[in-house]
PDB file of N, CA and C in Angstrom:
ATOM      1  N   UNK A   1     -52.119 153.424  51.493  1.00  0.00           N
ATOM      2  CA  UNK A   1     -52.208 154.426  50.446  1.00  0.00           C
ATOM      3  C   UNK A   1     -51.272 154.076  49.296  1.00  0.00           C
ATOM      4  N   UNK A   2     -51.761 154.296  48.104  1.00  0.00           N
ATOM      5  CA  UNK A   2     -50.955 154.085  46.901  1.00  0.00           C
ATOM      6  C   UNK A   2     -50.080 155.320  46.667  1.00  0.00           C
ATOM      7  N   UNK A   3     -48.835 155.099  46.296  1.00  0.00           N
ATOM      8  CA  UNK A   3     -47.926 156.190  45.962  1.00  0.00           C
ATOM      9  C   UNK A   3     -48.183 156.632  44.523  1.00  0.00           C
ATOM     10  N   UNK A   4     -48.360 157.943  44.322  1.00  0.00           N
ATOM     11  CA  UNK A   4     -48.675 158.487  43.009  1.00  0.00           C
ATOM     12  C   UNK A   4     -47.752 159.658  42.706  1.00  0.00           C
ATOM     13  N   UNK A   5     -47.173 159.639  41.513  1.00  0.00           N
ATOM     14  CA  UNK A   5     -46.381 160.769  41.018  1.00  0.00           C
ATOM     15  C   UNK A   5     -47.255 161.538  40.048  1.00  0.00           C
ATOM     16  N   UNK A   6     -47.420 162.820  40.314  1.00  0.00           N
ATOM     17  CA  UNK A   6     -48.250 163.675  39.469  1.00  0.00           C
ATOM     18  C   UNK A   6     -47.409 164.314  38.378  1.00  0.00           C
ATOM     19  N   UNK A   7     -47.910 164.229  37.156  1.00  0.00           N
ATOM     20  CA  UNK A   7     -47.349 164.943  36.018  1.00  0.00           C
ATOM     21  C   UNK A   7     -48.433 165.880  35.506  1.00  0.00           C
ATOM     22  N   UNK A   8     -48.126 167.173  35.481  1.00  0.00           N
ATOM     23  CA  UNK A   8     -49.033 168.187  34.955  1.00  0.00           C
ATOM     24  C   UNK A   8     -48.165 169.333  34.439  1.00  0.00           C
ATOM     25  N   UNK A   9     -48.742 170.237  33.637  1.00  0.00           N
ATOM     26  CA  UNK A   9     -47.923 171.330  33.095  1.00  0.00           C
ATOM     27  C   UNK A   9     -47.354 172.232  34.185  1.00  0.00           C
ATOM     28  N   UNK A  10     -46.181 172.801  33.913  1.00  0.00           N
ATOM     29  CA  UNK A  10     -45.596 173.800  34.804  1.00  0.00           C
ATOM     30  C   UNK A  10     -45.276 175.091  34.052  1.00  0.00           C
ATOM     31  N   UNK A  11     -44.529 174.996  32.973  1.00  0.00           N
ATOM     32  CA  UNK A  11     -44.108 176.184  32.214  1.00  0.00           C
ATOM     33  C   UNK A  11     -45.317 176.880  31.597  1.00  0.00           C
ATOM     34  N   UNK A  12     -45.099 178.096  31.158  1.00  0.00           N
ATOM     35  CA  UNK A  12     -46.180 178.874  30.562  1.00  0.00           C
ATOM     36  C   UNK A  12     -46.831 179.728  31.634  1.00  0.00           C
ATOM     37  N   UNK A  13     -48.126 179.576  31.796  1.00  0.00           N
ATOM     38  CA  UNK A  13     -48.864 180.308  32.830  1.00  0.00           C
ATOM     39  C   UNK A  13     -48.617 179.606  34.164  1.00  0.00           C
ATOM     40  N   UNK A  14     -47.503 179.916  34.778  1.00  0.00           N
ATOM     41  CA  UNK A  14     -47.075 179.180  35.975  1.00  0.00           C
ATOM     42  C   UNK A  14     -48.075 179.249  37.118  1.00  0.00           C
ATOM     43  N   UNK A  15     -48.653 180.408  37.364  1.00  0.00           N
ATOM     44  CA  UNK A  15     -49.600 180.511  38.478  1.00  0.00           C
ATOM     45  C   UNK A  15     -50.799 179.591  38.254  1.00  0.00           C
ATOM     46  N   UNK A  16     -51.361 179.621  37.043  1.00  0.00           N
ATOM     47  CA  UNK A  16     -52.476 178.723  36.719  1.00  0.00           C
ATOM     48  C   UNK A  16     -52.044 177.266  36.844  1.00  0.00           C
ATOM     49  N   UNK A  17     -50.850 176.947  36.341  1.00  0.00           N
ATOM     50  CA  UNK A  17     -50.385 175.564  36.347  1.00  0.00           C
ATOM     51  C   UNK A  17     -50.071 175.072  37.753  1.00  0.00           C
ATOM     52  N   UNK A  18     -49.554 175.938  38.607  1.00  0.00           N
ATOM     53  CA  UNK A  18     -49.308 175.560  40.003  1.00  0.00           C
ATOM     54  C   UNK A  18     -50.629 175.292  40.722  1.00  0.00           C
ATOM     55  N   UNK A  19     -51.602 176.166  40.523  1.00  0.00           N
ATOM     56  CA  UNK A  19     -52.919 175.952  41.140  1.00  0.00           C
ATOM     57  C   UNK A  19     -53.553 174.670  40.640  1.00  0.00           C
ATOM     58  N   UNK A  20     -53.403 174.380  39.356  1.00  0.00           N
ATOM     59  CA  UNK A  20     -53.931 173.145  38.791  1.00  0.00           C
ATOM     60  C   UNK A  20     -53.238 171.935  39.428  1.00  0.00           C
ATOM     61  N   UNK A  21     -51.920 171.973  39.551  1.00  0.00           N
ATOM     62  CA  UNK A  21     -51.186 170.853  40.159  1.00  0.00           C
ATOM     63  C   UNK A  21     -51.609 170.655  41.618  1.00  0.00           C
ATOM     64  N   UNK A  22     -51.874 171.741  42.319  1.00  0.00           N
ATOM     65  CA  UNK A  22     -52.353 171.626  43.697  1.00  0.00           C
ATOM     66  C   UNK A  22     -53.714 170.930  43.732  1.00  0.00           C
ATOM     67  N   UNK A  23     -54.581 171.257  42.768  1.00  0.00           N
ATOM     68  CA  UNK A  23     -55.881 170.581  42.686  1.00  0.00           C
ATOM     69  C   UNK A  23     -55.716 169.108  42.334  1.00  0.00           C
ATOM     70  N   UNK A  24     -54.712 168.806  41.526  1.00  0.00           N
ATOM     71  CA  UNK A  24     -54.412 167.401  41.208  1.00  0.00           C
ATOM     72  C   UNK A  24     -53.976 166.655  42.469  1.00  0.00           C
ATOM     73  N   UNK A  25     -53.165 167.315  43.285  1.00  0.00           N
ATOM     74  CA  UNK A  25     -52.748 166.694  44.547  1.00  0.00           C
ATOM     75  C   UNK A  25     -53.973 166.418  45.422  1.00  0.00           C
ATOM     76  N   UNK A  26     -54.880 167.381  45.476  1.00  0.00           N
ATOM     77  CA  UNK A  26     -56.114 167.198  46.261  1.00  0.00           C
ATOM     78  C   UNK A  26     -56.907 166.007  45.723  1.00  0.00           C
ATOM     79  N   UNK A  27     -57.020 165.912  44.401  1.00  0.00           N
ATOM     80  CA  UNK A  27     -57.731 164.793  43.787  1.00  0.00           C
ATOM     81  C   UNK A  27     -57.121 163.458  44.215  1.00  0.00           C
ATOM     82  N   UNK A  28     -55.806 163.376  44.194  1.00  0.00           N
ATOM     83  CA  UNK A  28     -55.130 162.139  44.618  1.00  0.00           C
ATOM     84  C   UNK A  28     -55.428 161.826  46.084  1.00  0.00           C
ATOM     85  N   UNK A  29     -55.313 162.825  46.923  1.00  0.00           N
ATOM     86  CA  UNK A  29     -55.569 162.604  48.349  1.00  0.00           C
ATOM     87  C   UNK A  29     -56.999 162.115  48.584  1.00  0.00           C
ATOM     88  N   UNK A  30     -57.955 162.656  47.840  1.00  0.00           N
ATOM     89  CA  UNK A  30     -59.346 162.225  47.982  1.00  0.00           C
ATOM     90  C   UNK A  30     -59.546 160.797  47.471  1.00  0.00           C
ATOM     91  N   UNK A  31     -58.604 160.310  46.682  1.00  0.00           N
ATOM     92  CA  UNK A  31     -58.631 158.922  46.204  1.00  0.00           C
ATOM     93  C   UNK A  31     -57.851 158.005  47.159  1.00  0.00           C
ATOM     94  N   UNK A  32     -57.447 158.549  48.303  1.00  0.00           N
ATOM     95  CA  UNK A  32     -56.645 157.811  49.286  1.00  0.00           C
ATOM     96  C   UNK A  32     -55.275 157.437  48.718  1.00  0.00           C
ATOM     97  N   UNK A  33     -54.703 158.371  47.965  1.00  0.00           N
ATOM     98  CA  UNK A  33     -53.369 158.208  47.401  1.00  0.00           C
ATOM     99  C   UNK A  33     -52.422 159.206  48.063  1.00  0.00           C
ATOM    100  N   UNK A  34     -51.144 158.878  48.042  1.00  0.00           N
ATOM    101  CA  UNK A  34     -50.100 159.767  48.572  1.00  0.00           C
ATOM    102  C   UNK A  34     -49.369 160.380  47.378  1.00  0.00           C
ATOM    103  N   UNK A  35     -49.739 161.632  46.985  1.00  0.00           N
ATOM    104  CA  UNK A  35     -49.163 162.222  45.771  1.00  0.00           C
ATOM    105  C   UNK A  35     -47.815 162.888  45.991  1.00  0.00           C
ATOM    106  N   UNK A  36     -47.035 162.913  44.916  1.00  0.00           N
ATOM    107  CA  UNK A  36     -45.745 163.597  44.876  1.00  0.00           C
ATOM    108  C   UNK A  36     -45.684 164.353  43.562  1.00  0.00           C
ATOM    109  N   UNK A  37     -45.347 165.642  43.625  1.00  0.00           N
ATOM    110  CA  UNK A  37     -45.254 166.465  42.419  1.00  0.00           C
ATOM    111  C   UNK A  37     -43.912 167.186  42.426  1.00  0.00           C
ATOM    112  N   UNK A  38     -42.933 166.597  41.775  1.00  0.00           N
ATOM    113  CA  UNK A  38     -41.582 167.169  41.801  1.00  0.00           C
ATOM    114  C   UNK A  38     -41.556 168.572  41.215  1.00  0.00           C
ATOM    115  N   UNK A  39     -42.417 168.856  40.243  1.00  0.00           N
ATOM    116  CA  UNK A  39     -42.420 170.182  39.621  1.00  0.00           C
ATOM    117  C   UNK A  39     -42.941 171.263  40.564  1.00  0.00           C
ATOM    118  N   UNK A  40     -43.643 170.890  41.616  1.00  0.00           N
ATOM    119  CA  UNK A  40     -44.033 171.858  42.646  1.00  0.00           C
ATOM    120  C   UNK A  40     -42.934 172.017  43.691  1.00  0.00           C
ATOM    121  N   UNK A  41     -42.213 170.962  43.958  1.00  0.00           N
ATOM    122  CA  UNK A  41     -41.170 170.978  44.990  1.00  0.00           C
ATOM    123  C   UNK A  41     -39.863 171.573  44.473  1.00  0.00           C
ATOM    124  N   UNK A  42     -39.370 171.059  43.375  1.00  0.00           N
ATOM    125  CA  UNK A  42     -38.040 171.446  42.909  1.00  0.00           C
ATOM    126  C   UNK A  42     -37.975 172.855  42.318  1.00  0.00           C
ATOM    127  N   UNK A  43     -39.107 173.387  41.912  1.00  0.00           N
ATOM    128  CA  UNK A  43     -39.113 174.722  41.304  1.00  0.00           C
ATOM    129  C   UNK A  43     -39.329 175.847  42.315  1.00  0.00           C
ATOM    130  N   UNK A  44     -39.388 175.512  43.577  1.00  0.00           N
ATOM    131  CA  UNK A  44     -39.540 176.549  44.596  1.00  0.00           C
ATOM    132  C   UNK A  44     -38.282 177.418  44.653  1.00  0.00           C
ATOM    133  N   UNK A  45     -38.472 178.652  45.094  1.00  0.00           N
ATOM    134  CA  UNK A  45     -37.344 179.566  45.250  1.00  0.00           C
ATOM    135  C   UNK A  45     -36.266 178.926  46.116  1.00  0.00           C
ATOM    136  N   UNK A  46     -35.031 179.098  45.741  1.00  0.00           N
ATOM    137  CA  UNK A  46     -33.864 178.578  46.452  1.00  0.00           C
ATOM    138  C   UNK A  46     -33.650 177.073  46.265  1.00  0.00           C
ATOM    139  N   UNK A  47     -34.407 176.443  45.366  1.00  0.00           N
ATOM    140  CA  UNK A  47     -34.178 175.030  45.085  1.00  0.00           C
ATOM    141  C   UNK A  47     -33.574 174.927  43.675  1.00  0.00           C
ATOM    142  N   UNK A  48     -34.386 174.959  42.632  1.00  0.00           N
ATOM    143  CA  UNK A  48     -33.902 174.941  41.252  1.00  0.00           C
ATOM    144  C   UNK A  48     -34.647 176.004  40.452  1.00  0.00           C
ATOM    145  N   UNK A  49     -34.000 176.506  39.417  1.00  0.00           N
ATOM    146  CA  UNK A  49     -34.601 177.507  38.539  1.00  0.00           C
ATOM    147  C   UNK A  49     -34.959 176.834  37.218  1.00  0.00           C
ATOM    148  N   UNK A  50     -36.251 176.684  36.953  1.00  0.00           N
ATOM    149  CA  UNK A  50     -36.720 176.007  35.750  1.00  0.00           C
ATOM    150  C   UNK A  50     -36.331 176.743  34.478  1.00  0.00           C
ATOM    151  N   UNK A  51     -35.943 178.007  34.590  1.00  0.00           N
ATOM    152  CA  UNK A  51     -35.535 178.789  33.421  1.00  0.00           C
ATOM    153  C   UNK A  51     -34.059 178.594  33.058  1.00  0.00           C
ATOM    154  N   UNK A  52     -33.314 177.894  33.889  1.00  0.00           N
ATOM    155  CA  UNK A  52     -31.913 177.576  33.607  1.00  0.00           C
ATOM    156  C   UNK A  52     -31.882 176.122  33.114  1.00  0.00           C
ATOM    157  N   UNK A  53     -31.557 175.900  31.828  1.00  0.00           N
ATOM    158  CA  UNK A  53     -31.658 174.553  31.249  1.00  0.00           C
ATOM    159  C   UNK A  53     -30.976 173.454  32.070  1.00  0.00           C
ATOM    160  N   UNK A  54     -29.799 173.707  32.598  1.00  0.00           N
ATOM    161  CA  UNK A  54     -29.107 172.659  33.361  1.00  0.00           C
ATOM    162  C   UNK A  54     -29.850 172.332  34.660  1.00  0.00           C
ATOM    163  N   UNK A  55     -30.461 173.341  35.283  1.00  0.00           N
ATOM    164  CA  UNK A  55     -31.225 173.097  36.515  1.00  0.00           C
ATOM    165  C   UNK A  55     -32.549 172.414  36.195  1.00  0.00           C
ATOM    166  N   UNK A  56     -33.179 172.784  35.093  1.00  0.00           N
ATOM    167  CA  UNK A  56     -34.413 172.111  34.667  1.00  0.00           C
ATOM    168  C   UNK A  56     -34.135 170.631  34.415  1.00  0.00           C
ATOM    169  N   UNK A  57     -33.035 170.341  33.715  1.00  0.00           N
ATOM    170  CA  UNK A  57     -32.656 168.953  33.430  1.00  0.00           C
ATOM    171  C   UNK A  57     -32.417 168.186  34.725  1.00  0.00           C
ATOM    172  N   UNK A  58     -31.735 168.798  35.664  1.00  0.00           N
ATOM    173  CA  UNK A  58     -31.475 168.154  36.950  1.00  0.00           C
ATOM    174  C   UNK A  58     -32.784 167.850  37.682  1.00  0.00           C
ATOM    175  N   UNK A  59     -33.711 168.799  37.674  1.00  0.00           N
ATOM    176  CA  UNK A  59     -35.003 168.580  38.320  1.00  0.00           C
ATOM    177  C   UNK A  59     -35.789 167.455  37.675  1.00  0.00           C
ATOM    178  N   UNK A  60     -35.774 167.409  36.344  1.00  0.00           N
ATOM    179  CA  UNK A  60     -36.467 166.332  35.629  1.00  0.00           C
ATOM    180  C   UNK A  60     -35.858 164.984  35.986  1.00  0.00           C
ATOM    181  N   UNK A  61     -34.542 164.894  35.980  1.00  0.00           N
ATOM    182  CA  UNK A  61     -33.870 163.629  36.313  1.00  0.00           C
ATOM    183  C   UNK A  61     -34.164 163.209  37.749  1.00  0.00           C
ATOM    184  N   UNK A  62     -34.174 164.157  38.672  1.00  0.00           N
ATOM    185  CA  UNK A  62     -34.482 163.837  40.074  1.00  0.00           C
ATOM    186  C   UNK A  62     -35.919 163.347  40.201  1.00  0.00           C
ATOM    187  N   UNK A  63     -36.824 163.980  39.478  1.00  0.00           N
ATOM    188  CA  UNK A  63     -38.216 163.533  39.501  1.00  0.00           C
ATOM    189  C   UNK A  63     -38.374 162.137  38.920  1.00  0.00           C
ATOM    190  N   UNK A  64     -37.667 161.862  37.845  1.00  0.00           N
ATOM    191  CA  UNK A  64     -37.742 160.538  37.225  1.00  0.00           C
ATOM    192  C   UNK A  64     -37.211 159.448  38.152  1.00  0.00           C
ATOM    193  N   UNK A  65     -36.251 159.761  38.992  1.00  0.00           N
ATOM    194  CA  UNK A  65     -35.703 158.761  39.915  1.00  0.00           C
ATOM    195  C   UNK A  65     -36.785 158.184  40.818  1.00  0.00           C
ATOM    196  N   UNK A  66     -37.767 159.005  41.197  1.00  0.00           N
ATOM    197  CA  UNK A  66     -38.859 158.551  42.064  1.00  0.00           C
ATOM    198  C   UNK A  66     -39.760 157.540  41.374  1.00  0.00           C
ATOM    199  N   UNK A  67     -39.790 157.544  40.052  1.00  0.00           N
ATOM    200  CA  UNK A  67     -40.677 156.657  39.307  1.00  0.00           C
ATOM    201  C   UNK A  67     -40.294 155.182  39.464  1.00  0.00           C
ATOM    202  N   UNK A  68     -39.089 154.918  39.955  1.00  0.00           N
ATOM    203  CA  UNK A  68     -38.619 153.536  40.088  1.00  0.00           C
ATOM    204  C   UNK A  68     -38.914 152.938  41.458  1.00  0.00           C
ATOM    205  N   UNK A  69     -39.579 153.687  42.314  1.00  0.00           N
ATOM    206  CA  UNK A  69     -39.984 153.114  43.597  1.00  0.00           C
ATOM    207  C   UNK A  69     -40.965 151.968  43.352  1.00  0.00           C
ATOM    208  N   UNK A  70     -40.932 150.935  44.191  1.00  0.00           N
ATOM    209  CA  UNK A  70     -41.891 149.849  43.988  1.00  0.00           C
ATOM    210  C   UNK A  70     -43.319 150.343  44.232  1.00  0.00           C
ATOM    211  N   UNK A  71     -44.247 149.847  43.448  1.00  0.00           N
ATOM    212  CA  UNK A  71     -45.676 150.124  43.609  1.00  0.00           C
ATOM    213  C   UNK A  71     -46.055 151.590  43.467  1.00  0.00           C
ATOM    214  N   UNK A  72     -45.303 152.336  42.668  1.00  0.00           N
ATOM    215  CA  UNK A  72     -45.645 153.730  42.411  1.00  0.00           C
ATOM    216  C   UNK A  72     -46.333 153.829  41.044  1.00  0.00           C
ATOM    217  N   UNK A  73     -47.304 154.726  40.955  1.00  0.00           N
ATOM    218  CA  UNK A  73     -48.037 154.954  39.714  1.00  0.00           C
ATOM    219  C   UNK A  73     -47.824 156.403  39.290  1.00  0.00           C
ATOM    220  N   UNK A  74     -47.454 156.627  38.040  1.00  0.00           N
ATOM    221  CA  UNK A  74     -47.377 157.984  37.503  1.00  0.00           C
ATOM    222  C   UNK A  74     -48.723 158.321  36.890  1.00  0.00           C
ATOM    223  N   UNK A  75     -49.255 159.491  37.271  1.00  0.00           N
ATOM    224  CA  UNK A  75     -50.554 159.935  36.774  1.00  0.00           C
ATOM    225  C   UNK A  75     -50.376 161.240  36.017  1.00  0.00           C
ATOM    226  N   UNK A  76     -50.816 161.246  34.773  1.00  0.00           N
ATOM    227  CA  UNK A  76     -50.772 162.432  33.924  1.00  0.00           C
ATOM    228  C   UNK A  76     -52.145 163.092  33.965  1.00  0.00           C
ATOM    229  N   UNK A  77     -52.192 164.306  34.498  1.00  0.00           N
ATOM    230  CA  UNK A  77     -53.420 165.097  34.504  1.00  0.00           C
ATOM    231  C   UNK A  77     -53.404 165.968  33.259  1.00  0.00           C
ATOM    232  N   UNK A  78     -54.408 165.799  32.396  1.00  0.00           N
ATOM    233  CA  UNK A  78     -54.324 166.334  31.038  1.00  0.00           C
ATOM    234  C   UNK A  78     -55.363 167.398  30.688  1.00  0.00           C
ATOM    235  N   UNK A  79     -56.067 167.944  31.669  1.00  0.00           N
ATOM    236  CA  UNK A  79     -57.053 168.983  31.360  1.00  0.00           C
ATOM    237  C   UNK A  79     -56.425 170.157  30.612  1.00  0.00           C
ATOM    238  N   UNK A  80     -55.185 170.492  30.928  1.00  0.00           N
ATOM    239  CA  UNK A  80     -54.505 171.644  30.324  1.00  0.00           C
ATOM    240  C   UNK A  80     -53.612 171.232  29.161  1.00  0.00           C
ATOM    241  N   UNK A  81     -53.717 170.000  28.725  1.00  0.00           N
ATOM    242  CA  UNK A  81     -52.903 169.506  27.626  1.00  0.00           C
ATOM    243  C   UNK A  81     -51.625 168.838  28.121  1.00  0.00           C
ATOM    244  N   UNK A  82     -50.773 168.517  27.167  1.00  0.00           N
ATOM    245  CA  UNK A  82     -49.509 167.826  27.434  1.00  0.00           C
ATOM    246  C   UNK A  82     -48.352 168.794  27.211  1.00  0.00           C
ATOM    247  N   UNK A  83     -47.630 169.110  28.262  1.00  0.00           N
ATOM    248  CA  UNK A  83     -46.438 169.954  28.140  1.00  0.00           C
ATOM    249  C   UNK A  83     -45.274 169.110  27.612  1.00  0.00           C
ATOM    250  N   UNK A  84     -44.197 169.778  27.217  1.00  0.00           N
ATOM    251  CA  UNK A  84     -43.016 169.041  26.746  1.00  0.00           C
ATOM    252  C   UNK A  84     -42.464 168.155  27.857  1.00  0.00           C
ATOM    253  N   UNK A  85     -42.493 168.640  29.094  1.00  0.00           N
ATOM    254  CA  UNK A  85     -42.026 167.835  30.227  1.00  0.00           C
ATOM    255  C   UNK A  85     -42.887 166.611  30.464  1.00  0.00           C
ATOM    256  N   UNK A  86     -44.203 166.764  30.301  1.00  0.00           N
ATOM    257  CA  UNK A  86     -45.109 165.621  30.452  1.00  0.00           C
ATOM    258  C   UNK A  86     -44.865 164.586  29.358  1.00  0.00           C
ATOM    259  N   UNK A  87     -44.653 165.058  28.137  1.00  0.00           N
ATOM    260  CA  UNK A  87     -44.372 164.128  27.036  1.00  0.00           C
ATOM    261  C   UNK A  87     -43.074 163.367  27.287  1.00  0.00           C
ATOM    262  N   UNK A  88     -42.076 164.066  27.804  1.00  0.00           N
ATOM    263  CA  UNK A  88     -40.807 163.426  28.143  1.00  0.00           C
ATOM    264  C   UNK A  88     -41.016 162.370  29.235  1.00  0.00           C
ATOM    265  N   UNK A  89     -41.835 162.694  30.227  1.00  0.00           N
ATOM    266  CA  UNK A  89     -42.125 161.745  31.309  1.00  0.00           C
ATOM    267  C   UNK A  89     -42.884 160.532  30.787  1.00  0.00           C
ATOM    268  N   UNK A  90     -43.810 160.736  29.868  1.00  0.00           N
ATOM    269  CA  UNK A  90     -44.554 159.606  29.292  1.00  0.00           C
ATOM    270  C   UNK A  90     -43.618 158.684  28.517  1.00  0.00           C
ATOM    271  N   UNK A  91     -42.726 159.276  27.727  1.00  0.00           N
ATOM    272  CA  UNK A  91     -41.736 158.472  26.999  1.00  0.00           C
ATOM    273  C   UNK A  91     -40.862 157.691  27.975  1.00  0.00           C
ATOM    274  N   UNK A  92     -40.477 158.340  29.070  1.00  0.00           N
ATOM    275  CA  UNK A  92     -39.646 157.681  30.080  1.00  0.00           C
ATOM    276  C   UNK A  92     -40.389 156.486  30.676  1.00  0.00           C
ATOM    277  N   UNK A  93     -41.665 156.673  30.988  1.00  0.00           N
ATOM    278  CA  UNK A  93     -42.452 155.567  31.539  1.00  0.00           C
ATOM    279  C   UNK A  93     -42.528 154.397  30.560  1.00  0.00           C
ATOM    280  N   UNK A  94     -42.797 154.699  29.298  1.00  0.00           N
ATOM    281  CA  UNK A  94     -42.896 153.644  28.282  1.00  0.00           C
ATOM    282  C   UNK A  94     -41.545 152.943  28.120  1.00  0.00           C
ATOM    283  N   UNK A  95     -40.473 153.727  27.981  1.00  0.00           N
ATOM    284  CA  UNK A  95     -39.143 153.154  27.769  1.00  0.00           C
ATOM    285  C   UNK A  95     -38.673 152.294  28.934  1.00  0.00           C
ATOM    286  N   UNK A  96     -39.166 152.598  30.145  1.00  0.00           N
ATOM    287  CA  UNK A  96     -38.734 151.867  31.339  1.00  0.00           C
ATOM    288  C   UNK A  96     -39.805 150.921  31.877  1.00  0.00           C
ATOM    289  N   UNK A  97     -40.850 150.713  31.072  1.00  0.00           N
ATOM    290  CA  UNK A  97     -41.922 149.784  31.442  1.00  0.00           C
ATOM    291  C   UNK A  97     -42.505 150.112  32.828  1.00  0.00           C
ATOM    292  N   UNK A  98     -42.807 151.401  33.045  1.00  0.00           N
ATOM    293  CA  UNK A  98     -43.340 151.862  34.324  1.00  0.00           C
ATOM    294  C   UNK A  98     -44.847 152.104  34.198  1.00  0.00           C
ATOM    295  N   UNK A  99     -45.580 151.852  35.273  1.00  0.00           N
ATOM    296  CA  UNK A  99     -47.032 152.010  35.266  1.00  0.00           C
ATOM    297  C   UNK A  99     -47.407 153.495  35.219  1.00  0.00           C
ATOM    298  N   UNK A 100     -48.428 153.796  34.397  1.00  0.00           N
ATOM    299  CA  UNK A 100     -48.945 155.160  34.349  1.00  0.00           C
ATOM    300  C   UNK A 100     -50.388 155.143  33.865  1.00  0.00           C
ATOM    301  N   UNK A 101     -51.067 156.250  34.124  1.00  0.00           N
ATOM    302  CA  UNK A 101     -52.420 156.437  33.611  1.00  0.00           C
ATOM    303  C   UNK A 101     -52.665 157.930  33.408  1.00  0.00           C
ATOM    304  N   UNK A 102     -53.723 158.252  32.671  1.00  0.00           N
ATOM    305  CA  UNK A 102     -54.111 159.653  32.483  1.00  0.00           C
ATOM    306  C   UNK A 102     -55.418 159.899  33.229  1.00  0.00           C
ATOM    307  N   UNK A 103     -55.567 161.150  33.686  1.00  0.00           N
ATOM    308  CA  UNK A 103     -56.776 161.569  34.382  1.00  0.00           C
ATOM    309  C   UNK A 103     -57.131 162.990  33.961  1.00  0.00           C
ATOM    310  N   UNK A 104     -58.384 163.327  34.179  1.00  0.00           N
ATOM    311  CA  UNK A 104     -58.860 164.696  34.024  1.00  0.00           C
ATOM    312  C   UNK A 104     -59.622 165.069  35.297  1.00  0.00           C
ATOM    313  N   UNK A 105     -59.484 166.341  35.682  1.00  0.00           N
ATOM    314  CA  UNK A 105     -60.232 166.843  36.829  1.00  0.00           C
ATOM    315  C   UNK A 105     -61.605 167.361  36.436  1.00  0.00           C
ATOM    316  N   UNK A 106     -61.708 167.890  35.220  1.00  0.00           N
ATOM    317  CA  UNK A 106     -62.895 168.631  34.817  1.00  0.00           C
ATOM    318  C   UNK A 106     -63.514 168.073  33.555  1.00  0.00           C
ATOM    319  N   UNK A 107     -64.834 168.297  33.456  1.00  0.00           N
ATOM    320  CA  UNK A 107     -65.485 168.095  32.165  1.00  0.00           C
ATOM    321  C   UNK A 107     -65.026 169.249  31.270  1.00  0.00           C
ATOM    322  N   UNK A 108     -64.971 169.040  29.986  1.00  0.00           N
ATOM    323  CA  UNK A 108     -64.415 170.038  29.060  1.00  0.00           C
ATOM    324  C   UNK A 108     -65.041 171.421  29.239  1.00  0.00           C
ATOM    325  N   UNK A 109     -66.330 171.497  29.485  1.00  0.00           N
ATOM    326  CA  UNK A 109     -66.992 172.793  29.596  1.00  0.00           C
ATOM    327  C   UNK A 109     -66.667 173.534  30.896  1.00  0.00           C
ATOM    328  N   UNK A 110     -66.015 172.886  31.849  1.00  0.00           N
ATOM    329  CA  UNK A 110     -65.692 173.522  33.138  1.00  0.00           C
ATOM    330  C   UNK A 110     -64.300 174.127  33.189  1.00  0.00           C
ATOM    331  N   UNK A 111     -63.537 174.057  32.109  1.00  0.00           N
ATOM    332  CA  UNK A 111     -62.177 174.591  32.113  1.00  0.00           C
ATOM    333  C   UNK A 111     -62.151 176.096  32.095  1.00  0.00           C
TER     334      UNK A 111
END
């Protein structure tokens, strides 16, 4: 299985964005990939609070650390657009010469 880091929106409509990220994880698994979504893990109750800037920064940095694993691919799911965190992750990938790609789950009319 290929290791995949999922990047998708979190802030804003959190319930919608969490459900979307879960569907992204399902998509990866159906592709025989092993997905990781730090924004689903680190933002859980009793872990980090995304509304506290220092904790959000810590979560982003911890998520970025995983991008340096050998043979890992970062995948940006873009049906809901690009959040500020996703844009930051894309810049990080480019600046560090890390592999990434974009995907969509839905045709535009199915959103």
